[in-house]
Amino acid sequence: MPEAAEPTGPAGPAPERRTTYRHGNLRNALLDAALELAREGGPDSVALREVTRRAGVAPNAAYRHFADRAALVHAVSQAAMARVARTMEAELAAVPATDDPVARARARFRAVGTGYIRFATEEPGWFRTAFHVPADMTYATDTTAAGAEGLTPFEILGASLDDLVTTGVLPESRRPGAEFLAWSAVHGLSVLMIDGPLRGITPDQAHAAGQDVIDMIERGI
């Protein structure tokens, strides 16, 4: 009797399943596959069956590392948040050197907002996923949501505001809560540009709008 042809579907042939993984590798493989899905279609596209298919393991293998889909999506959310942080860090690293501490503090504050908005417009799937799981601010200091320097996006913003206080740009009396005003403004613009009525603007327009919002924040805090 001839061997049956391998079934195929919209996603093509099922990948060859791995029967063994070194300790820790399976979780990473599952998370990487989930991140690919989130990048393509946001948090709603993260499905356990498709994640395990892409990782090349049986569907129930995911439960060895994630209690359920919600746990997997939470882990993906944290990993996406770490990518937001790394983009902000890259923007900070590109700030030109200067001997003027005031100019440097201002430039770094602007870089934080610029990096945040840039990530949103360049990686909308990951951006949506980063903020998909409400955690009552616990993610703000969760190391799994941190960048290469060990700081989360919220902590990076806070550090840039502290620099403004240290250099005298921002009065100390106005520092409490400033991160909420700044964060709300750049996040709101980001959402408008990827999911709202501003989603049709050009990259140049998006950049200009971001700089205008950061100007507004700097004047308002």
N, C-alpha and C. Protein backbone atom coordinates (compact mmCIF):
# COMPACT_ATOMS: atom_id res chain seq x y z
N MET A 1 0.85 -1.19 0.00
CA MET A 1 0.00 0.00 0.00
C MET A 1 0.89 1.23 0.00
N PRO A 2 0.68 2.22 -0.89
CA PRO A 2 1.55 3.39 -0.94
C PRO A 2 1.41 4.24 0.31
N GLU A 3 2.52 4.85 0.67
CA GLU A 3 2.54 5.70 1.86
C GLU A 3 1.69 6.94 1.62
N ALA A 4 0.85 7.29 2.61
CA ALA A 4 -0.02 8.46 2.49
C ALA A 4 0.82 9.73 2.42
N ALA A 5 0.36 10.67 1.59
CA ALA A 5 1.07 11.95 1.48
C ALA A 5 0.92 12.73 2.77
N GLU A 6 1.95 13.51 3.07
CA GLU A 6 1.92 14.34 4.29
C GLU A 6 0.84 15.40 4.14
N PRO A 7 -0.08 15.51 5.13
CA PRO A 7 -1.14 16.51 5.03
C PRO A 7 -0.57 17.91 5.09
N THR A 8 -1.17 18.76 4.31
CA THR A 8 -0.75 20.16 4.32
C THR A 8 -1.95 21.02 4.57
N GLY A 9 -1.71 22.26 5.00
CA GLY A 9 -2.77 23.22 5.27
C GLY A 9 -2.31 24.58 4.85
N PRO A 10 -2.99 25.61 5.28
CA PRO A 10 -2.61 26.97 4.92
C PRO A 10 -1.18 27.32 5.31
N ALA A 11 -0.72 26.69 6.42
CA ALA A 11 0.63 27.02 6.89
C ALA A 11 1.68 26.11 6.30
N GLY A 12 1.28 25.15 5.45
CA GLY A 12 2.25 24.25 4.84
C GLY A 12 2.45 23.01 5.68
N PRO A 13 3.41 22.16 5.34
CA PRO A 13 3.63 20.91 6.05
C PRO A 13 4.01 21.18 7.51
N ALA A 14 3.58 20.28 8.39
CA ALA A 14 3.96 20.41 9.80
C ALA A 14 5.46 20.20 9.93
N PRO A 15 6.12 20.99 10.77
CA PRO A 15 7.56 20.84 10.92
C PRO A 15 7.91 19.54 11.64
N GLU A 16 9.09 19.05 11.40
CA GLU A 16 9.54 17.85 12.08
C GLU A 16 9.64 18.13 13.57
N ARG A 17 9.08 17.23 14.36
CA ARG A 17 9.07 17.47 15.79
C ARG A 17 10.39 17.10 16.43
N ARG A 18 10.82 17.94 17.35
CA ARG A 18 12.00 17.64 18.14
C ARG A 18 11.58 16.73 19.28
N THR A 19 12.31 15.70 19.53
CA THR A 19 11.96 14.79 20.63
C THR A 19 12.68 15.15 21.91
N THR A 20 13.76 15.91 21.82
CA THR A 20 14.50 16.29 23.02
C THR A 20 14.93 17.74 22.92
N TYR A 21 15.02 18.37 24.08
CA TYR A 21 15.55 19.73 24.18
C TYR A 21 16.45 19.78 25.41
N ARG A 22 17.55 20.45 25.27
CA ARG A 22 18.37 20.68 26.45
C ARG A 22 17.60 21.55 27.42
N HIS A 23 17.93 21.47 28.68
CA HIS A 23 17.21 22.20 29.72
C HIS A 23 17.09 23.68 29.36
N GLY A 24 15.86 24.19 29.37
CA GLY A 24 15.63 25.60 29.10
C GLY A 24 15.39 25.91 27.64
N ASN A 25 15.83 25.07 26.74
CA ASN A 25 15.71 25.38 25.32
C ASN A 25 14.27 25.34 24.82
N LEU A 26 13.47 24.42 25.35
CA LEU A 26 12.10 24.31 24.88
C LEU A 26 11.32 25.57 25.24
N ARG A 27 11.47 26.06 26.43
CA ARG A 27 10.76 27.29 26.81
C ARG A 27 11.15 28.43 25.88
N ASN A 28 12.45 28.54 25.62
CA ASN A 28 12.92 29.61 24.73
C ASN A 28 12.37 29.43 23.32
N ALA A 29 12.33 28.18 22.84
CA ALA A 29 11.80 27.92 21.50
C ALA A 29 10.33 28.30 21.41
N LEU A 30 9.58 27.98 22.44
CA LEU A 30 8.16 28.32 22.47
C LEU A 30 7.97 29.84 22.52
N LEU A 31 8.78 30.49 23.33
CA LEU A 31 8.66 31.95 23.46
C LEU A 31 9.05 32.63 22.15
N ASP A 32 10.09 32.12 21.50
CA ASP A 32 10.50 32.70 20.21
C ASP A 32 9.40 32.55 19.17
N ALA A 33 8.77 31.39 19.14
CA ALA A 33 7.68 31.16 18.19
C ALA A 33 6.50 32.07 18.49
N ALA A 34 6.20 32.25 19.76
CA ALA A 34 5.10 33.13 20.16
C ALA A 34 5.41 34.58 19.81
N LEU A 35 6.67 34.96 19.96
CA LEU A 35 7.06 36.33 19.59
C LEU A 35 6.92 36.57 18.09
N GLU A 36 7.22 35.57 17.29
CA GLU A 36 7.03 35.69 15.84
C GLU A 36 5.56 35.94 15.51
N LEU A 37 4.69 35.18 16.16
CA LEU A 37 3.26 35.35 15.93
C LEU A 37 2.78 36.72 16.38
N ALA A 38 3.26 37.16 17.54
CA ALA A 38 2.87 38.48 18.05
C ALA A 38 3.36 39.60 17.14
N ARG A 39 4.54 39.41 16.59
CA ARG A 39 5.06 40.43 15.68
C ARG A 39 4.20 40.53 14.43
N GLU A 40 3.71 39.39 13.98
CA GLU A 40 2.90 39.36 12.76
C GLU A 40 1.48 39.90 12.98
N GLY A 41 0.90 39.59 14.15
CA GLY A 41 -0.51 39.93 14.32
C GLY A 41 -0.94 40.37 15.69
N GLY A 42 0.02 40.73 16.55
CA GLY A 42 -0.35 41.19 17.88
C GLY A 42 -0.68 40.05 18.82
N PRO A 43 -1.12 40.36 20.04
CA PRO A 43 -1.34 39.32 21.06
C PRO A 43 -2.42 38.32 20.72
N ASP A 44 -3.43 38.73 19.98
CA ASP A 44 -4.53 37.82 19.65
C ASP A 44 -4.09 36.69 18.72
N SER A 45 -2.95 36.86 18.06
CA SER A 45 -2.48 35.83 17.12
C SER A 45 -1.67 34.74 17.82
N VAL A 46 -1.40 34.91 19.10
CA VAL A 46 -0.60 33.92 19.84
C VAL A 46 -1.51 32.76 20.25
N ALA A 47 -1.41 31.65 19.54
CA ALA A 47 -2.21 30.46 19.81
C ALA A 47 -1.28 29.32 20.18
N LEU A 48 -1.60 28.60 21.24
CA LEU A 48 -0.72 27.54 21.72
C LEU A 48 -0.44 26.49 20.66
N ARG A 49 -1.45 26.09 19.92
CA ARG A 49 -1.24 25.04 18.91
C ARG A 49 -0.27 25.50 17.83
N GLU A 50 -0.41 26.75 17.38
CA GLU A 50 0.49 27.26 16.35
C GLU A 50 1.90 27.48 16.90
N VAL A 51 1.98 27.89 18.15
CA VAL A 51 3.29 28.07 18.78
C VAL A 51 4.03 26.74 18.83
N THR A 52 3.36 25.69 19.28
CA THR A 52 4.03 24.39 19.37
C THR A 52 4.33 23.84 17.98
N ARG A 53 3.46 24.12 17.00
CA ARG A 53 3.73 23.67 15.64
C ARG A 53 5.01 24.31 15.12
N ARG A 54 5.16 25.61 15.36
CA ARG A 54 6.35 26.30 14.88
C ARG A 54 7.60 25.86 15.63
N ALA A 55 7.42 25.49 16.89
CA ALA A 55 8.57 25.02 17.67
C ALA A 55 8.90 23.57 17.36
N GLY A 56 7.98 22.88 16.66
CA GLY A 56 8.23 21.50 16.27
C GLY A 56 8.02 20.49 17.36
N VAL A 57 7.07 20.78 18.27
CA VAL A 57 6.79 19.84 19.36
C VAL A 57 5.29 19.58 19.43
N ALA A 58 4.90 18.58 20.22
CA ALA A 58 3.49 18.24 20.39
C ALA A 58 2.77 19.38 21.11
N PRO A 59 1.48 19.57 20.84
CA PRO A 59 0.74 20.67 21.45
C PRO A 59 0.80 20.72 22.97
N ASN A 60 0.79 19.54 23.64
CA ASN A 60 0.79 19.55 25.10
C ASN A 60 2.15 19.87 25.70
N ALA A 61 3.18 19.97 24.85
CA ALA A 61 4.52 20.28 25.37
C ALA A 61 4.59 21.67 25.99
N ALA A 62 3.75 22.58 25.52
CA ALA A 62 3.77 23.94 26.04
C ALA A 62 3.43 23.98 27.52
N TYR A 63 2.62 23.04 27.98
CA TYR A 63 2.16 23.09 29.37
C TYR A 63 3.25 22.72 30.36
N ARG A 64 4.39 22.25 29.88
CA ARG A 64 5.51 22.00 30.77
C ARG A 64 6.13 23.32 31.24
N HIS A 65 5.90 24.37 30.48
CA HIS A 65 6.54 25.65 30.80
C HIS A 65 5.54 26.79 31.00
N PHE A 66 4.34 26.67 30.46
CA PHE A 66 3.32 27.70 30.60
C PHE A 66 2.01 27.03 31.03
N ALA A 67 1.43 27.51 32.10
CA ALA A 67 0.24 26.86 32.65
C ALA A 67 -0.92 26.88 31.67
N ASP A 68 -1.02 27.96 30.90
CA ASP A 68 -2.10 28.09 29.93
C ASP A 68 -1.72 29.18 28.93
N ARG A 69 -2.63 29.48 28.02
CA ARG A 69 -2.34 30.50 27.01
C ARG A 69 -2.07 31.86 27.65
N ALA A 70 -2.83 32.18 28.70
CA ALA A 70 -2.64 33.47 29.36
C ALA A 70 -1.22 33.63 29.89
N ALA A 71 -0.67 32.56 30.43
CA ALA A 71 0.70 32.61 30.94
C ALA A 71 1.70 32.82 29.81
N LEU A 72 1.45 32.17 28.68
CA LEU A 72 2.33 32.35 27.52
C LEU A 72 2.25 33.77 27.00
N VAL A 73 1.04 34.30 26.86
CA VAL A 73 0.88 35.67 26.36
C VAL A 73 1.52 36.67 27.32
N HIS A 74 1.42 36.40 28.60
CA HIS A 74 2.07 37.29 29.58
C HIS A 74 3.58 37.31 29.37
N ALA A 75 4.17 36.12 29.17
CA ALA A 75 5.61 36.05 28.94
C ALA A 75 6.00 36.77 27.66
N VAL A 76 5.17 36.63 26.62
CA VAL A 76 5.43 37.32 25.36
C VAL A 76 5.31 38.83 25.56
N SER A 77 4.34 39.25 26.36
CA SER A 77 4.16 40.67 26.65
C SER A 77 5.41 41.24 27.31
N GLN A 78 5.95 40.52 28.27
CA GLN A 78 7.15 40.98 28.97
C GLN A 78 8.35 41.05 28.02
N ALA A 79 8.47 40.03 27.15
CA ALA A 79 9.57 40.01 26.19
C ALA A 79 9.45 41.16 25.19
N ALA A 80 8.21 41.47 24.78
CA ALA A 80 8.00 42.60 23.88
C ALA A 80 8.32 43.92 24.57
N MET A 81 7.98 44.02 25.85
CA MET A 81 8.30 45.22 26.60
C MET A 81 9.81 45.42 26.69
N ALA A 82 10.55 44.32 26.83
CA ALA A 82 12.01 44.41 26.86
C ALA A 82 12.54 44.95 25.54
N ARG A 83 11.87 44.62 24.45
CA ARG A 83 12.28 45.14 23.14
C ARG A 83 11.99 46.64 23.03
N VAL A 84 10.91 47.09 23.66
CA VAL A 84 10.67 48.54 23.73
C VAL A 84 11.85 49.20 24.44
N ALA A 85 12.25 48.63 25.56
CA ALA A 85 13.36 49.19 26.33
C ALA A 85 14.65 49.24 25.51
N ARG A 86 14.93 48.19 24.75
CA ARG A 86 16.17 48.16 23.98
C ARG A 86 16.16 49.19 22.86
N THR A 87 14.98 49.45 22.28
CA THR A 87 14.90 50.48 21.25
C THR A 87 15.14 51.85 21.87
N MET A 88 14.62 52.08 23.05
CA MET A 88 14.86 53.34 23.76
C MET A 88 16.34 53.48 24.10
N GLU A 89 16.97 52.38 24.51
CA GLU A 89 18.40 52.40 24.82
C GLU A 89 19.22 52.74 23.57
N ALA A 90 18.82 52.19 22.43
CA ALA A 90 19.54 52.48 21.19
C ALA A 90 19.43 53.96 20.83
N GLU A 91 18.26 54.54 21.06
CA GLU A 91 18.07 55.97 20.79
C GLU A 91 18.94 56.81 21.74
N LEU A 92 19.02 56.38 22.99
CA LEU A 92 19.87 57.07 23.96
C LEU A 92 21.35 56.98 23.58
N ALA A 93 21.75 55.81 23.08
CA ALA A 93 23.15 55.62 22.70
C ALA A 93 23.54 56.50 21.53
N ALA A 94 22.55 56.91 20.74
CA ALA A 94 22.83 57.75 19.56
C ALA A 94 22.87 59.24 19.89
N VAL A 95 22.61 59.61 21.13
CA VAL A 95 22.65 61.04 21.51
C VAL A 95 24.09 61.53 21.40
N PRO A 96 24.33 62.61 20.67
CA PRO A 96 25.70 63.12 20.50
C PRO A 96 26.33 63.52 21.83
N ALA A 97 27.60 63.29 21.95
CA ALA A 97 28.32 63.67 23.16
C ALA A 97 28.38 65.20 23.27
N THR A 98 28.28 65.67 24.49
CA THR A 98 28.37 67.11 24.74
C THR A 98 28.87 67.35 26.16
N ASP A 99 29.57 68.46 26.35
CA ASP A 99 30.05 68.82 27.69
C ASP A 99 29.00 69.61 28.46
N ASP A 100 27.89 69.92 27.82
CA ASP A 100 26.83 70.69 28.46
C ASP A 100 25.84 69.73 29.11
N PRO A 101 25.83 69.63 30.44
CA PRO A 101 24.94 68.66 31.10
C PRO A 101 23.46 68.95 30.88
N VAL A 102 23.09 70.23 30.73
CA VAL A 102 21.69 70.58 30.50
C VAL A 102 21.27 70.10 29.11
N ALA A 103 22.09 70.38 28.12
CA ALA A 103 21.78 69.95 26.76
C ALA A 103 21.71 68.43 26.68
N ARG A 104 22.62 67.77 27.40
CA ARG A 104 22.64 66.31 27.38
C ARG A 104 21.37 65.76 28.03
N ALA A 105 20.96 66.31 29.16
CA ALA A 105 19.76 65.83 29.84
C ALA A 105 18.53 66.02 28.97
N ARG A 106 18.45 67.17 28.31
CA ARG A 106 17.31 67.42 27.43
C ARG A 106 17.30 66.44 26.25
N ALA A 107 18.47 66.24 25.67
CA ALA A 107 18.57 65.34 24.52
C ALA A 107 18.21 63.91 24.90
N ARG A 108 18.63 63.49 26.09
CA ARG A 108 18.32 62.13 26.52
C ARG A 108 16.83 61.96 26.82
N PHE A 109 16.22 62.99 27.39
CA PHE A 109 14.78 62.93 27.62
C PHE A 109 14.03 62.80 26.30
N ARG A 110 14.45 63.56 25.31
CA ARG A 110 13.80 63.49 24.00
C ARG A 110 14.05 62.13 23.35
N ALA A 111 15.23 61.59 23.54
CA ALA A 111 15.55 60.29 22.94
C ALA A 111 14.66 59.18 23.51
N VAL A 112 14.36 59.27 24.79
CA VAL A 112 13.49 58.27 25.41
C VAL A 112 12.13 58.25 24.72
N GLY A 113 11.53 59.43 24.54
CA GLY A 113 10.23 59.50 23.87
C GLY A 113 10.31 59.12 22.41
N THR A 114 11.38 59.55 21.74
CA THR A 114 11.55 59.24 20.33
C THR A 114 11.67 57.73 20.10
N GLY A 115 12.46 57.07 20.95
CA GLY A 115 12.63 55.62 20.83
C GLY A 115 11.33 54.87 21.06
N TYR A 116 10.56 55.34 22.02
CA TYR A 116 9.28 54.71 22.34
C TYR A 116 8.32 54.79 21.15
N ILE A 117 8.20 55.97 20.59
CA ILE A 117 7.29 56.16 19.45
C ILE A 117 7.82 55.41 18.22
N ARG A 118 9.12 55.41 18.03
CA ARG A 118 9.69 54.70 16.88
C ARG A 118 9.39 53.21 16.96
N PHE A 119 9.51 52.64 18.15
CA PHE A 119 9.21 51.22 18.29
C PHE A 119 7.76 50.95 17.93
N ALA A 120 6.85 51.81 18.41
CA ALA A 120 5.43 51.61 18.14
C ALA A 120 5.14 51.60 16.65
N THR A 121 5.72 52.53 15.92
CA THR A 121 5.42 52.65 14.49
C THR A 121 6.14 51.60 13.66
N GLU A 122 7.31 51.15 14.12
CA GLU A 122 8.07 50.15 13.36
C GLU A 122 7.67 48.71 13.71
N GLU A 123 7.22 48.49 14.94
CA GLU A 123 6.86 47.14 15.40
C GLU A 123 5.49 47.16 16.08
N PRO A 124 4.44 47.49 15.32
CA PRO A 124 3.11 47.61 15.95
C PRO A 124 2.62 46.32 16.61
N GLY A 125 2.94 45.17 16.03
CA GLY A 125 2.50 43.91 16.64
C GLY A 125 3.09 43.72 18.02
N TRP A 126 4.40 43.94 18.14
CA TRP A 126 5.05 43.82 19.44
C TRP A 126 4.60 44.92 20.40
N PHE A 127 4.38 46.12 19.87
CA PHE A 127 3.95 47.22 20.74
C PHE A 127 2.58 46.89 21.34
N ARG A 128 1.65 46.42 20.52
CA ARG A 128 0.34 46.04 21.05
C ARG A 128 0.47 44.94 22.10
N THR A 129 1.36 44.00 21.83
CA THR A 129 1.54 42.88 22.74
C THR A 129 2.17 43.32 24.06
N ALA A 130 3.10 44.26 24.00
CA ALA A 130 3.78 44.72 25.20
C ALA A 130 2.80 45.25 26.23
N PHE A 131 1.73 45.87 25.76
CA PHE A 131 0.77 46.48 26.68
C PHE A 131 -0.55 45.73 26.73
N HIS A 132 -0.53 44.48 26.31
CA HIS A 132 -1.77 43.70 26.25
C HIS A 132 -2.19 43.20 27.63
N VAL A 133 -1.24 42.80 28.46
CA VAL A 133 -1.56 42.18 29.74
C VAL A 133 -1.46 43.19 30.86
N PRO A 134 -2.58 43.62 31.43
CA PRO A 134 -2.51 44.57 32.54
C PRO A 134 -1.87 43.93 33.75
N ALA A 135 -0.94 44.61 34.36
CA ALA A 135 -0.24 44.03 35.52
C ALA A 135 -0.16 45.00 36.68
N ASP A 136 -0.99 46.03 36.65
CA ASP A 136 -1.03 47.00 37.76
C ASP A 136 0.36 47.53 38.08
N MET A 137 1.10 47.86 37.03
CA MET A 137 2.43 48.47 37.14
C MET A 137 3.52 47.48 37.57
N THR A 138 3.18 46.20 37.82
CA THR A 138 4.23 45.29 38.25
C THR A 138 5.28 45.11 37.17
N TYR A 139 4.87 45.22 35.90
CA TYR A 139 5.84 45.06 34.81
C TYR A 139 6.84 46.20 34.78
N ALA A 140 6.51 47.32 35.47
CA ALA A 140 7.39 48.49 35.42
C ALA A 140 8.77 48.20 36.00
N THR A 141 8.84 47.22 36.90
CA THR A 141 10.12 46.88 37.50
C THR A 141 10.46 45.40 37.34
N ASP A 142 9.78 44.70 36.45
CA ASP A 142 10.01 43.29 36.21
C ASP A 142 11.22 43.14 35.29
N THR A 143 12.22 42.40 35.73
CA THR A 143 13.45 42.29 34.95
C THR A 143 13.24 41.60 33.61
N THR A 144 12.18 40.78 33.47
CA THR A 144 11.92 40.17 32.18
C THR A 144 11.42 41.19 31.17
N ALA A 145 11.04 42.39 31.63
CA ALA A 145 10.59 43.46 30.74
C ALA A 145 11.67 44.52 30.59
N ALA A 146 12.89 44.21 31.02
CA ALA A 146 13.98 45.19 31.00
C ALA A 146 14.84 45.05 29.76
N GLY A 147 15.53 46.12 29.43
CA GLY A 147 16.46 46.13 28.31
C GLY A 147 17.83 45.64 28.72
N ALA A 148 18.81 45.91 27.88
CA ALA A 148 20.18 45.43 28.11
C ALA A 148 20.80 46.05 29.36
N GLU A 149 20.36 47.25 29.73
CA GLU A 149 20.90 47.94 30.90
C GLU A 149 20.17 47.57 32.19
N GLY A 150 19.20 46.68 32.08
CA GLY A 150 18.49 46.23 33.27
C GLY A 150 17.33 47.10 33.69
N LEU A 151 16.93 48.05 32.86
CA LEU A 151 15.83 48.95 33.18
C LEU A 151 14.65 48.71 32.25
N THR A 152 13.45 48.79 32.79
CA THR A 152 12.24 48.71 31.98
C THR A 152 12.01 50.07 31.31
N PRO A 153 11.12 50.13 30.32
CA PRO A 153 10.81 51.44 29.70
C PRO A 153 10.39 52.49 30.73
N PHE A 154 9.59 52.10 31.70
CA PHE A 154 9.15 53.03 32.74
C PHE A 154 10.34 53.54 33.55
N GLU A 155 11.27 52.66 33.86
CA GLU A 155 12.45 53.06 34.63
C GLU A 155 13.38 53.94 33.80
N ILE A 156 13.48 53.66 32.50
CA ILE A 156 14.30 54.50 31.63
C ILE A 156 13.73 55.92 31.58
N LEU A 157 12.42 56.03 31.46
CA LEU A 157 11.78 57.34 31.48
C LEU A 157 12.04 58.04 32.80
N GLY A 158 11.88 57.31 33.90
CA GLY A 158 12.11 57.91 35.21
C GLY A 158 13.54 58.42 35.37
N ALA A 159 14.50 57.66 34.86
CA ALA A 159 15.89 58.09 34.96
C ALA A 159 16.14 59.36 34.16
N SER A 160 15.50 59.48 33.00
CA SER A 160 15.70 60.69 32.20
C SER A 160 15.07 61.91 32.88
N LEU A 161 13.96 61.72 33.58
CA LEU A 161 13.35 62.81 34.33
C LEU A 161 14.21 63.19 35.53
N ASP A 162 14.81 62.20 36.16
CA ASP A 162 15.72 62.49 37.28
C ASP A 162 16.91 63.32 36.81
N ASP A 163 17.40 63.04 35.60
CA ASP A 163 18.50 63.83 35.04
C ASP A 163 18.08 65.28 34.82
N LEU A 164 16.84 65.48 34.43
CA LEU A 164 16.35 66.85 34.24
C LEU A 164 16.31 67.60 35.57
N VAL A 165 15.97 66.89 36.63
CA VAL A 165 15.97 67.51 37.97
C VAL A 165 17.40 67.83 38.40
N THR A 166 18.29 66.88 38.21
CA THR A 166 19.69 67.05 38.63
C THR A 166 20.34 68.25 37.94
N THR A 167 20.00 68.47 36.68
CA THR A 167 20.61 69.57 35.92
C THR A 167 19.83 70.88 36.05
N GLY A 168 18.75 70.86 36.83
CA GLY A 168 17.99 72.09 37.06
C GLY A 168 16.96 72.42 36.00
N VAL A 169 16.78 71.55 35.03
CA VAL A 169 15.78 71.80 33.99
C VAL A 169 14.37 71.64 34.55
N LEU A 170 14.18 70.63 35.37
CA LEU A 170 12.88 70.34 35.96
C LEU A 170 12.94 70.61 37.46
N PRO A 171 12.13 71.53 37.98
CA PRO A 171 12.11 71.77 39.43
C PRO A 171 11.76 70.50 40.19
N GLU A 172 12.44 70.26 41.28
CA GLU A 172 12.21 69.04 42.05
C GLU A 172 10.76 68.92 42.51
N SER A 173 10.13 70.07 42.77
CA SER A 173 8.75 70.05 43.24
C SER A 173 7.78 69.53 42.17
N ARG A 174 8.20 69.57 40.90
CA ARG A 174 7.35 69.12 39.82
C ARG A 174 7.71 67.72 39.32
N ARG A 175 8.68 67.11 39.95
CA ARG A 175 9.10 65.77 39.52
C ARG A 175 8.08 64.69 39.85
N PRO A 176 7.44 64.69 41.04
CA PRO A 176 6.51 63.59 41.34
C PRO A 176 5.39 63.48 40.30
N GLY A 177 5.24 62.29 39.76
CA GLY A 177 4.18 62.03 38.79
C GLY A 177 4.46 62.47 37.38
N ALA A 178 5.61 63.08 37.13
CA ALA A 178 5.90 63.58 35.78
C ALA A 178 5.96 62.45 34.77
N GLU A 179 6.38 61.27 35.20
CA GLU A 179 6.46 60.15 34.27
C GLU A 179 5.10 59.75 33.74
N PHE A 180 4.04 59.93 34.54
CA PHE A 180 2.71 59.56 34.08
C PHE A 180 2.22 60.50 32.98
N LEU A 181 2.51 61.78 33.14
CA LEU A 181 2.13 62.75 32.11
C LEU A 181 2.88 62.45 30.80
N ALA A 182 4.20 62.27 30.93
CA ALA A 182 5.02 62.03 29.74
C ALA A 182 4.64 60.73 29.05
N TRP A 183 4.47 59.69 29.82
CA TRP A 183 4.15 58.38 29.27
C TRP A 183 2.79 58.41 28.57
N SER A 184 1.80 59.03 29.23
CA SER A 184 0.46 59.09 28.65
C SER A 184 0.47 59.78 27.29
N ALA A 185 1.25 60.84 27.19
CA ALA A 185 1.27 61.61 25.94
C ALA A 185 1.89 60.82 24.80
N VAL A 186 3.07 60.22 25.02
CA VAL A 186 3.72 59.49 23.93
C VAL A 186 2.98 58.20 23.62
N HIS A 187 2.41 57.58 24.63
CA HIS A 187 1.67 56.34 24.37
C HIS A 187 0.38 56.63 23.61
N GLY A 188 -0.29 57.71 24.00
CA GLY A 188 -1.52 58.07 23.29
C GLY A 188 -1.27 58.36 21.82
N LEU A 189 -0.20 59.10 21.54
CA LEU A 189 0.14 59.38 20.15
C LEU A 189 0.48 58.09 19.41
N SER A 190 1.22 57.21 20.06
CA SER A 190 1.61 55.95 19.43
C SER A 190 0.39 55.13 19.04
N VAL A 191 -0.58 55.03 19.93
CA VAL A 191 -1.79 54.27 19.65
C VAL A 191 -2.59 54.90 18.52
N LEU A 192 -2.67 56.23 18.51
CA LEU A 192 -3.37 56.91 17.43
C LEU A 192 -2.73 56.63 16.08
N MET A 193 -1.40 56.47 16.08
CA MET A 193 -0.70 56.26 14.81
C MET A 193 -0.73 54.82 14.33
N ILE A 194 -0.90 53.86 15.23
CA ILE A 194 -0.91 52.47 14.76
C ILE A 194 -2.32 51.87 14.71
N ASP A 195 -3.24 52.39 15.50
CA ASP A 195 -4.58 51.82 15.54
C ASP A 195 -5.69 52.86 15.41
N GLY A 196 -5.35 54.12 15.37
CA GLY A 196 -6.36 55.16 15.35
C GLY A 196 -6.40 55.95 14.06
N PRO A 197 -6.99 57.12 14.10
CA PRO A 197 -7.18 57.91 12.87
C PRO A 197 -5.89 58.48 12.28
N LEU A 198 -4.77 58.36 12.99
CA LEU A 198 -3.49 58.83 12.43
C LEU A 198 -2.69 57.70 11.78
N ARG A 199 -3.28 56.53 11.64
CA ARG A 199 -2.50 55.39 11.12
C ARG A 199 -2.13 55.54 9.65
N GLY A 200 -2.72 56.50 8.94
CA GLY A 200 -2.38 56.67 7.53
C GLY A 200 -1.30 57.71 7.27
N ILE A 201 -0.75 58.32 8.32
CA ILE A 201 0.26 59.35 8.08
C ILE A 201 1.59 58.73 7.67
N THR A 202 2.41 59.52 7.01
CA THR A 202 3.70 59.04 6.52
C THR A 202 4.71 58.95 7.66
N PRO A 203 5.80 58.21 7.47
CA PRO A 203 6.83 58.16 8.51
C PRO A 203 7.37 59.53 8.88
N ASP A 204 7.55 60.41 7.89
CA ASP A 204 8.03 61.76 8.20
C ASP A 204 7.02 62.52 9.06
N GLN A 205 5.75 62.38 8.73
CA GLN A 205 4.72 63.03 9.53
C GLN A 205 4.67 62.46 10.95
N ALA A 206 4.84 61.15 11.04
CA ALA A 206 4.83 60.51 12.35
C ALA A 206 5.98 61.02 13.21
N HIS A 207 7.17 61.13 12.60
CA HIS A 207 8.33 61.63 13.35
C HIS A 207 8.10 63.08 13.80
N ALA A 208 7.58 63.89 12.90
CA ALA A 208 7.33 65.30 13.24
C ALA A 208 6.29 65.40 14.36
N ALA A 209 5.24 64.59 14.29
CA ALA A 209 4.22 64.61 15.33
C ALA A 209 4.81 64.19 16.67
N GLY A 210 5.68 63.20 16.64
CA GLY A 210 6.33 62.75 17.87
C GLY A 210 7.17 63.84 18.49
N GLN A 211 7.94 64.54 17.67
CA GLN A 211 8.78 65.62 18.20
C GLN A 211 7.92 66.75 18.76
N ASP A 212 6.80 67.04 18.12
CA ASP A 212 5.91 68.08 18.62
C ASP A 212 5.33 67.70 19.99
N VAL A 213 4.95 66.45 20.13
CA VAL A 213 4.41 65.99 21.41
C VAL A 213 5.48 66.04 22.50
N ILE A 214 6.69 65.65 22.15
CA ILE A 214 7.77 65.71 23.14
C ILE A 214 8.06 67.16 23.52
N ASP A 215 8.01 68.06 22.55
CA ASP A 215 8.14 69.50 22.86
C ASP A 215 7.08 69.92 23.88
N MET A 216 5.86 69.51 23.63
CA MET A 216 4.74 69.86 24.51
C MET A 216 4.98 69.32 25.92
N ILE A 217 5.44 68.07 26.00
CA ILE A 217 5.70 67.47 27.31
C ILE A 217 6.78 68.26 28.05
N GLU A 218 7.86 68.57 27.32
CA GLU A 218 8.99 69.26 27.94
C GLU A 218 8.56 70.63 28.48
N ARG A 219 7.68 71.30 27.76
CA ARG A 219 7.21 72.60 28.24
C ARG A 219 6.22 72.45 29.39
N GLY A 220 5.53 71.32 29.43
CA GLY A 220 4.46 71.17 30.41
C GLY A 220 4.87 70.59 31.74
N ILE A 221 5.96 69.86 31.78
CA ILE A 221 6.34 69.26 33.06
C ILE A 221 7.08 70.25 33.94
